[in-house]
Amino acid sequence: MAVLKKGARITGAERSKLATDLKKAYDKGRSIRELAESHGRSYGFVHRVLSESGVTLRGRGGATRTKAAPGKARAKSK
């Protein structure tokens, strides 16, 4: 992994190399936040580079909220 100066513009071959490295790590299961921290870049930058490289981004983890099934609505308490 190349050491990049924080906030430095990354273009051309250097950006392509970084995109390849990020894509490989993301495909192996690392999160965007982990990649951002390990490369000294922002979440938005890593997200953008991955998107530009054609990576299919994973959905957010954690519980999801669903609507209650009919007849299972909670009673409102006053």
PDB file of N, CA and C in Angstrom:
ATOM      1  N   MET A   1       0.852  -1.173   0.000  1.00  0.00           N
ATOM      2  CA  MET A   1       0.000   0.000   0.000  1.00  0.00           C
ATOM      3  C   MET A   1       0.897   1.235   0.000  1.00  0.00           C
ATOM      4  N   ALA A   2       0.619   2.144  -0.919  1.00  0.00           N
ATOM      5  CA  ALA A   2       1.401   3.371  -1.010  1.00  0.00           C
ATOM      6  C   ALA A   2       0.991   4.338   0.097  1.00  0.00           C
ATOM      7  N   VAL A   3       1.966   5.038   0.642  1.00  0.00           N
ATOM      8  CA  VAL A   3       1.679   6.041   1.659  1.00  0.00           C
ATOM      9  C   VAL A   3       1.335   7.329   0.932  1.00  0.00           C
ATOM     10  N   LEU A   4       0.155   7.849   1.204  1.00  0.00           N
ATOM     11  CA  LEU A   4      -0.319   9.048   0.528  1.00  0.00           C
ATOM     12  C   LEU A   4      -0.405  10.199   1.510  1.00  0.00           C
ATOM     13  N   LYS A   5      -0.007  11.355   1.066  1.00  0.00           N
ATOM     14  CA  LYS A   5      -0.108  12.543   1.904  1.00  0.00           C
ATOM     15  C   LYS A   5      -1.585  12.888   2.059  1.00  0.00           C
ATOM     16  N   LYS A   6      -2.004  13.130   3.277  1.00  0.00           N
ATOM     17  CA  LYS A   6      -3.410  13.405   3.544  1.00  0.00           C
ATOM     18  C   LYS A   6      -3.891  14.605   2.746  1.00  0.00           C
ATOM     19  N   GLY A   7      -4.984  14.426   2.025  1.00  0.00           N
ATOM     20  CA  GLY A   7      -5.583  15.499   1.253  1.00  0.00           C
ATOM     21  C   GLY A   7      -4.948  15.740  -0.104  1.00  0.00           C
ATOM     22  N   ALA A   8      -3.898  14.985  -0.435  1.00  0.00           N
ATOM     23  CA  ALA A   8      -3.228  15.170  -1.728  1.00  0.00           C
ATOM     24  C   ALA A   8      -4.126  14.659  -2.849  1.00  0.00           C
ATOM     25  N   ARG A   9      -4.088  15.340  -3.983  1.00  0.00           N
ATOM     26  CA  ARG A   9      -4.853  14.893  -5.146  1.00  0.00           C
ATOM     27  C   ARG A   9      -4.213  13.637  -5.697  1.00  0.00           C
ATOM     28  N   ILE A  10      -5.061  12.704  -6.070  1.00  0.00           N
ATOM     29  CA  ILE A  10      -4.572  11.452  -6.626  1.00  0.00           C
ATOM     30  C   ILE A  10      -5.187  11.316  -8.010  1.00  0.00           C
ATOM     31  N   THR A  11      -4.326  11.304  -9.031  1.00  0.00           N
ATOM     32  CA  THR A  11      -4.816  11.250 -10.402  1.00  0.00           C
ATOM     33  C   THR A  11      -4.010  10.233 -11.208  1.00  0.00           C
ATOM     34  N   GLY A  12      -4.492   9.965 -12.395  1.00  0.00           N
ATOM     35  CA  GLY A  12      -3.770   9.128 -13.343  1.00  0.00           C
ATOM     36  C   GLY A  12      -3.517   7.717 -12.864  1.00  0.00           C
ATOM     37  N   ALA A  13      -2.296   7.252 -13.132  1.00  0.00           N
ATOM     38  CA  ALA A  13      -1.917   5.872 -12.810  1.00  0.00           C
ATOM     39  C   ALA A  13      -1.971   5.610 -11.315  1.00  0.00           C
ATOM     40  N   GLU A  14      -1.625   6.628 -10.519  1.00  0.00           N
ATOM     41  CA  GLU A  14      -1.651   6.466  -9.055  1.00  0.00           C
ATOM     42  C   GLU A  14      -3.075   6.191  -8.573  1.00  0.00           C
ATOM     43  N   ARG A  15      -4.052   6.899  -9.144  1.00  0.00           N
ATOM     44  CA  ARG A  15      -5.449   6.711  -8.766  1.00  0.00           C
ATOM     45  C   ARG A  15      -5.945   5.334  -9.226  1.00  0.00           C
ATOM     46  N   SER A  16      -5.533   4.918 -10.411  1.00  0.00           N
ATOM     47  CA  SER A  16      -5.921   3.593 -10.917  1.00  0.00           C
ATOM     48  C   SER A  16      -5.384   2.495 -10.021  1.00  0.00           C
ATOM     49  N   LYS A  17      -4.146   2.637  -9.589  1.00  0.00           N
ATOM     50  CA  LYS A  17      -3.527   1.651  -8.688  1.00  0.00           C
ATOM     51  C   LYS A  17      -4.276   1.618  -7.355  1.00  0.00           C
ATOM     52  N   LEU A  18      -4.573   2.798  -6.823  1.00  0.00           N
ATOM     53  CA  LEU A  18      -5.313   2.876  -5.561  1.00  0.00           C
ATOM     54  C   LEU A  18      -6.694   2.244  -5.714  1.00  0.00           C
ATOM     55  N   ALA A  19      -7.372   2.527  -6.825  1.00  0.00           N
ATOM     56  CA  ALA A  19      -8.700   1.964  -7.062  1.00  0.00           C
ATOM     57  C   ALA A  19      -8.643   0.441  -7.097  1.00  0.00           C
ATOM     58  N   THR A  20      -7.626  -0.107  -7.736  1.00  0.00           N
ATOM     59  CA  THR A  20      -7.456  -1.559  -7.792  1.00  0.00           C
ATOM     60  C   THR A  20      -7.236  -2.141  -6.404  1.00  0.00           C
ATOM     61  N   ASP A  21      -6.383  -1.495  -5.614  1.00  0.00           N
ATOM     62  CA  ASP A  21      -6.106  -1.957  -4.251  1.00  0.00           C
ATOM     63  C   ASP A  21      -7.368  -1.894  -3.384  1.00  0.00           C
ATOM     64  N   LEU A  22      -8.101  -0.783  -3.479  1.00  0.00           N
ATOM     65  CA  LEU A  22      -9.318  -0.625  -2.686  1.00  0.00           C
ATOM     66  C   LEU A  22     -10.355  -1.673  -3.089  1.00  0.00           C
ATOM     67  N   LYS A  23     -10.490  -1.900  -4.387  1.00  0.00           N
ATOM     68  CA  LYS A  23     -11.469  -2.868  -4.883  1.00  0.00           C
ATOM     69  C   LYS A  23     -11.156  -4.269  -4.362  1.00  0.00           C
ATOM     70  N   LYS A  24      -9.900  -4.672  -4.417  1.00  0.00           N
ATOM     71  CA  LYS A  24      -9.507  -6.000  -3.927  1.00  0.00           C
ATOM     72  C   LYS A  24      -9.829  -6.144  -2.443  1.00  0.00           C
ATOM     73  N   ALA A  25      -9.480  -5.139  -1.657  1.00  0.00           N
ATOM     74  CA  ALA A  25      -9.724  -5.193  -0.215  1.00  0.00           C
ATOM     75  C   ALA A  25     -11.227  -5.201   0.096  1.00  0.00           C
ATOM     76  N   TYR A  26     -11.995  -4.387  -0.639  1.00  0.00           N
ATOM     77  CA  TYR A  26     -13.446  -4.323  -0.422  1.00  0.00           C
ATOM     78  C   TYR A  26     -14.090  -5.659  -0.774  1.00  0.00           C
ATOM     79  N   ASP A  27     -13.644  -6.267  -1.878  1.00  0.00           N
ATOM     80  CA  ASP A  27     -14.184  -7.563  -2.291  1.00  0.00           C
ATOM     81  C   ASP A  27     -13.848  -8.669  -1.297  1.00  0.00           C
ATOM     82  N   LYS A  28     -12.778  -8.493  -0.534  1.00  0.00           N
ATOM     83  CA  LYS A  28     -12.403  -9.479   0.493  1.00  0.00           C
ATOM     84  C   LYS A  28     -13.171  -9.262   1.794  1.00  0.00           C
ATOM     85  N   GLY A  29     -14.008  -8.218   1.853  1.00  0.00           N
ATOM     86  CA  GLY A  29     -14.859  -8.025   3.018  1.00  0.00           C
ATOM     87  C   GLY A  29     -14.559  -6.824   3.888  1.00  0.00           C
ATOM     88  N   ARG A  30     -13.519  -6.066   3.574  1.00  0.00           N
ATOM     89  CA  ARG A  30     -13.233  -4.876   4.390  1.00  0.00           C
ATOM     90  C   ARG A  30     -14.285  -3.810   4.110  1.00  0.00           C
ATOM     91  N   SER A  31     -14.603  -3.019   5.123  1.00  0.00           N
ATOM     92  CA  SER A  31     -15.614  -1.973   4.969  1.00  0.00           C
ATOM     93  C   SER A  31     -14.992  -0.700   4.390  1.00  0.00           C
ATOM     94  N   ILE A  32     -15.844   0.165   3.896  1.00  0.00           N
ATOM     95  CA  ILE A  32     -15.372   1.449   3.369  1.00  0.00           C
ATOM     96  C   ILE A  32     -14.705   2.239   4.481  1.00  0.00           C
ATOM     97  N   ARG A  33     -15.272   2.197   5.667  1.00  0.00           N
ATOM     98  CA  ARG A  33     -14.669   2.926   6.797  1.00  0.00           C
ATOM     99  C   ARG A  33     -13.285   2.394   7.135  1.00  0.00           C
ATOM    100  N   GLU A  34     -13.117   1.090   7.124  1.00  0.00           N
ATOM    101  CA  GLU A  34     -11.802   0.493   7.393  1.00  0.00           C
ATOM    102  C   GLU A  34     -10.797   0.921   6.327  1.00  0.00           C
ATOM    103  N   LEU A  35     -11.221   0.891   5.073  1.00  0.00           N
ATOM    104  CA  LEU A  35     -10.334   1.275   3.976  1.00  0.00           C
ATOM    105  C   LEU A  35      -9.954   2.750   4.076  1.00  0.00           C
ATOM    106  N   ALA A  36     -10.921   3.588   4.404  1.00  0.00           N
ATOM    107  CA  ALA A  36     -10.657   5.024   4.523  1.00  0.00           C
ATOM    108  C   ALA A  36      -9.624   5.282   5.614  1.00  0.00           C
ATOM    109  N   GLU A  37      -9.795   4.628   6.748  1.00  0.00           N
ATOM    110  CA  GLU A  37      -8.872   4.833   7.861  1.00  0.00           C
ATOM    111  C   GLU A  37      -7.473   4.317   7.531  1.00  0.00           C
ATOM    112  N   SER A  38      -7.392   3.147   6.934  1.00  0.00           N
ATOM    113  CA  SER A  38      -6.082   2.566   6.652  1.00  0.00           C
ATOM    114  C   SER A  38      -5.323   3.307   5.547  1.00  0.00           C
ATOM    115  N   HIS A  39      -6.047   4.004   4.672  1.00  0.00           N
ATOM    116  CA  HIS A  39      -5.401   4.752   3.592  1.00  0.00           C
ATOM    117  C   HIS A  39      -5.289   6.250   3.895  1.00  0.00           C
ATOM    118  N   GLY A  40      -5.816   6.663   5.042  1.00  0.00           N
ATOM    119  CA  GLY A  40      -5.736   8.073   5.416  1.00  0.00           C
ATOM    120  C   GLY A  40      -6.588   8.977   4.536  1.00  0.00           C
ATOM    121  N   ARG A  41      -7.693   8.440   4.069  1.00  0.00           N
ATOM    122  CA  ARG A  41      -8.598   9.203   3.203  1.00  0.00           C
ATOM    123  C   ARG A  41      -9.978   9.256   3.854  1.00  0.00           C
ATOM    124  N   SER A  42     -10.872  10.066   3.296  1.00  0.00           N
ATOM    125  CA  SER A  42     -12.214  10.170   3.843  1.00  0.00           C
ATOM    126  C   SER A  42     -13.101   9.035   3.335  1.00  0.00           C
ATOM    127  N   TYR A  43     -14.190   8.816   4.052  1.00  0.00           N
ATOM    128  CA  TYR A  43     -15.182   7.821   3.638  1.00  0.00           C
ATOM    129  C   TYR A  43     -15.685   8.162   2.237  1.00  0.00           C
ATOM    130  N   GLY A  44     -16.004   9.431   2.013  1.00  0.00           N
ATOM    131  CA  GLY A  44     -16.545   9.869   0.720  1.00  0.00           C
ATOM    132  C   GLY A  44     -15.590   9.607  -0.431  1.00  0.00           C
ATOM    133  N   PHE A  45     -14.301   9.842  -0.203  1.00  0.00           N
ATOM    134  CA  PHE A  45     -13.305   9.612  -1.239  1.00  0.00           C
ATOM    135  C   PHE A  45     -13.258   8.136  -1.605  1.00  0.00           C
ATOM    136  N   VAL A  46     -13.185   7.270  -0.609  1.00  0.00           N
ATOM    137  CA  VAL A  46     -13.110   5.827  -0.866  1.00  0.00           C
ATOM    138  C   VAL A  46     -14.386   5.354  -1.554  1.00  0.00           C
ATOM    139  N   HIS A  47     -15.531   5.826  -1.099  1.00  0.00           N
ATOM    140  CA  HIS A  47     -16.818   5.467  -1.705  1.00  0.00           C
ATOM    141  C   HIS A  47     -16.828   5.874  -3.174  1.00  0.00           C
ATOM    142  N   ARG A  48     -16.379   7.081  -3.465  1.00  0.00           N
ATOM    143  CA  ARG A  48     -16.355   7.589  -4.837  1.00  0.00           C
ATOM    144  C   ARG A  48     -15.416   6.770  -5.723  1.00  0.00           C
ATOM    145  N   VAL A  49     -14.224   6.458  -5.228  1.00  0.00           N
ATOM    146  CA  VAL A  49     -13.261   5.675  -6.010  1.00  0.00           C
ATOM    147  C   VAL A  49     -13.822   4.281  -6.293  1.00  0.00           C
ATOM    148  N   LEU A  50     -14.427   3.653  -5.301  1.00  0.00           N
ATOM    149  CA  LEU A  50     -15.015   2.338  -5.514  1.00  0.00           C
ATOM    150  C   LEU A  50     -16.148   2.401  -6.537  1.00  0.00           C
ATOM    151  N   SER A  51     -16.993   3.403  -6.434  1.00  0.00           N
ATOM    152  CA  SER A  51     -18.098   3.561  -7.381  1.00  0.00           C
ATOM    153  C   SER A  51     -17.580   3.780  -8.794  1.00  0.00           C
ATOM    154  N   GLU A  52     -16.549   4.621  -8.926  1.00  0.00           N
ATOM    155  CA  GLU A  52     -15.964   4.893 -10.239  1.00  0.00           C
ATOM    156  C   GLU A  52     -15.352   3.630 -10.843  1.00  0.00           C
ATOM    157  N   SER A  53     -14.885   2.704  -9.986  1.00  0.00           N
ATOM    158  CA  SER A  53     -14.269   1.476 -10.498  1.00  0.00           C
ATOM    159  C   SER A  53     -15.291   0.397 -10.825  1.00  0.00           C
ATOM    160  N   GLY A  54     -16.571   0.692 -10.640  1.00  0.00           N
ATOM    161  CA  GLY A  54     -17.615  -0.262 -11.005  1.00  0.00           C
ATOM    162  C   GLY A  54     -17.918  -1.317  -9.962  1.00  0.00           C
ATOM    163  N   VAL A  55     -17.483  -1.088  -8.733  1.00  0.00           N
ATOM    164  CA  VAL A  55     -17.745  -2.041  -7.650  1.00  0.00           C
ATOM    165  C   VAL A  55     -19.226  -1.972  -7.278  1.00  0.00           C
ATOM    166  N   THR A  56     -19.828  -3.139  -7.054  1.00  0.00           N
ATOM    167  CA  THR A  56     -21.193  -3.187  -6.526  1.00  0.00           C
ATOM    168  C   THR A  56     -21.072  -3.075  -5.019  1.00  0.00           C
ATOM    169  N   LEU A  57     -21.528  -1.958  -4.484  1.00  0.00           N
ATOM    170  CA  LEU A  57     -21.387  -1.713  -3.053  1.00  0.00           C
ATOM    171  C   LEU A  57     -22.390  -2.540  -2.262  1.00  0.00           C
ATOM    172  N   ARG A  58     -21.944  -3.033  -1.115  1.00  0.00           N
ATOM    173  CA  ARG A  58     -22.808  -3.814  -0.235  1.00  0.00           C
ATOM    174  C   ARG A  58     -23.793  -2.880   0.458  1.00  0.00           C
ATOM    175  N   GLY A  59     -24.897  -3.448   0.884  1.00  0.00           N
ATOM    176  CA  GLY A  59     -25.880  -2.687   1.642  1.00  0.00           C
ATOM    177  C   GLY A  59     -25.372  -2.438   3.053  1.00  0.00           C
ATOM    178  N   ARG A  60     -26.018  -1.531   3.730  1.00  0.00           N
ATOM    179  CA  ARG A  60     -25.651  -1.249   5.111  1.00  0.00           C
ATOM    180  C   ARG A  60     -26.016  -2.431   5.981  1.00  0.00           C
ATOM    181  N   GLY A  61     -25.246  -2.667   7.010  1.00  0.00           N
ATOM    182  CA  GLY A  61     -25.517  -3.776   7.921  1.00  0.00           C
ATOM    183  C   GLY A  61     -26.519  -3.387   8.983  1.00  0.00           C
ATOM    184  N   GLY A  62     -26.780  -4.306   9.852  1.00  0.00           N
ATOM    185  CA  GLY A  62     -27.650  -4.015  10.988  1.00  0.00           C
ATOM    186  C   GLY A  62     -29.100  -4.356  10.724  1.00  0.00           C
ATOM    187  N   ALA A  63     -29.902  -4.152  11.742  1.00  0.00           N
ATOM    188  CA  ALA A  63     -31.317  -4.463  11.659  1.00  0.00           C
ATOM    189  C   ALA A  63     -32.027  -3.465  10.764  1.00  0.00           C
ATOM    190  N   THR A  64     -33.046  -3.938  10.099  1.00  0.00           N
ATOM    191  CA  THR A  64     -33.864  -3.051   9.275  1.00  0.00           C
ATOM    192  C   THR A  64     -35.248  -2.949   9.883  1.00  0.00           C
ATOM    193  N   ARG A  65     -35.866  -1.860   9.646  1.00  0.00           N
ATOM    194  CA  ARG A  65     -37.215  -1.673  10.166  1.00  0.00           C
ATOM    195  C   ARG A  65     -38.204  -2.063   9.080  1.00  0.00           C
ATOM    196  N   THR A  66     -39.200  -2.798   9.474  1.00  0.00           N
ATOM    197  CA  THR A  66     -40.245  -3.171   8.528  1.00  0.00           C
ATOM    198  C   THR A  66     -41.583  -2.752   9.106  1.00  0.00           C
ATOM    199  N   LYS A  67     -42.532  -2.580   8.219  1.00  0.00           N
ATOM    200  CA  LYS A  67     -43.868  -2.233   8.681  1.00  0.00           C
ATOM    201  C   LYS A  67     -44.486  -3.443   9.354  1.00  0.00           C
ATOM    202  N   ALA A  68     -45.269  -3.190  10.391  1.00  0.00           N
ATOM    203  CA  ALA A  68     -45.933  -4.279  11.098  1.00  0.00           C
ATOM    204  C   ALA A  68     -46.965  -4.928  10.194  1.00  0.00           C
ATOM    205  N   ALA A  69     -47.104  -6.221  10.311  1.00  0.00           N
ATOM    206  CA  ALA A  69     -48.086  -6.950   9.521  1.00  0.00           C
ATOM    207  C   ALA A  69     -49.490  -6.517   9.956  1.00  0.00           C
ATOM    208  N   PRO A  70     -50.464  -6.569   9.036  1.00  0.00           N
ATOM    209  CA  PRO A  70     -51.841  -6.194   9.405  1.00  0.00           C
ATOM    210  C   PRO A  70     -52.330  -7.020  10.599  1.00  0.00           C
ATOM    211  N   GLY A  71     -52.985  -6.369  11.523  1.00  0.00           N
ATOM    212  CA  GLY A  71     -53.499  -7.037  12.708  1.00  0.00           C
ATOM    213  C   GLY A  71     -52.467  -7.148  13.814  1.00  0.00           C
ATOM    214  N   LYS A  72     -51.251  -6.691  13.561  1.00  0.00           N
ATOM    215  CA  LYS A  72     -50.206  -6.766  14.577  1.00  0.00           C
ATOM    216  C   LYS A  72     -49.770  -5.369  15.019  1.00  0.00           C
ATOM    217  N   ALA A  73     -50.571  -4.385  14.723  1.00  0.00           N
ATOM    218  CA  ALA A  73     -50.230  -3.015  15.084  1.00  0.00           C
ATOM    219  C   ALA A  73     -50.238  -2.885  16.610  1.00  0.00           C
ATOM    220  N   ARG A  74     -49.337  -2.071  17.119  1.00  0.00           N
ATOM    221  CA  ARG A  74     -49.258  -1.859  18.555  1.00  0.00           C
ATOM    222  C   ARG A  74     -50.378  -0.924  18.991  1.00  0.00           C
ATOM    223  N   ALA A  75     -50.883  -1.144  20.191  1.00  0.00           N
ATOM    224  CA  ALA A  75     -51.888  -0.255  20.749  1.00  0.00           C
ATOM    225  C   ALA A  75     -51.195   0.995  21.269  1.00  0.00           C
ATOM    226  N   LYS A  76     -51.773   2.135  20.961  1.00  0.00           N
ATOM    227  CA  LYS A  76     -51.195   3.397  21.440  1.00  0.00           C
ATOM    228  C   LYS A  76     -51.592   3.585  22.895  1.00  0.00           C
ATOM    229  N   SER A  77     -50.619   3.948  23.719  1.00  0.00           N
ATOM    230  CA  SER A  77     -50.913   4.211  25.126  1.00  0.00           C
ATOM    231  C   SER A  77     -50.988   5.711  25.354  1.00  0.00           C
ATOM    232  N   LYS A  78     -51.860   6.112  26.228  1.00  0.00           N
ATOM    233  CA  LYS A  78     -52.031   7.548  26.512  1.00  0.00           C
ATOM    234  C   LYS A  78     -51.550   7.869  27.876  1.00  0.00           C
TER     235      LYS A  78
END
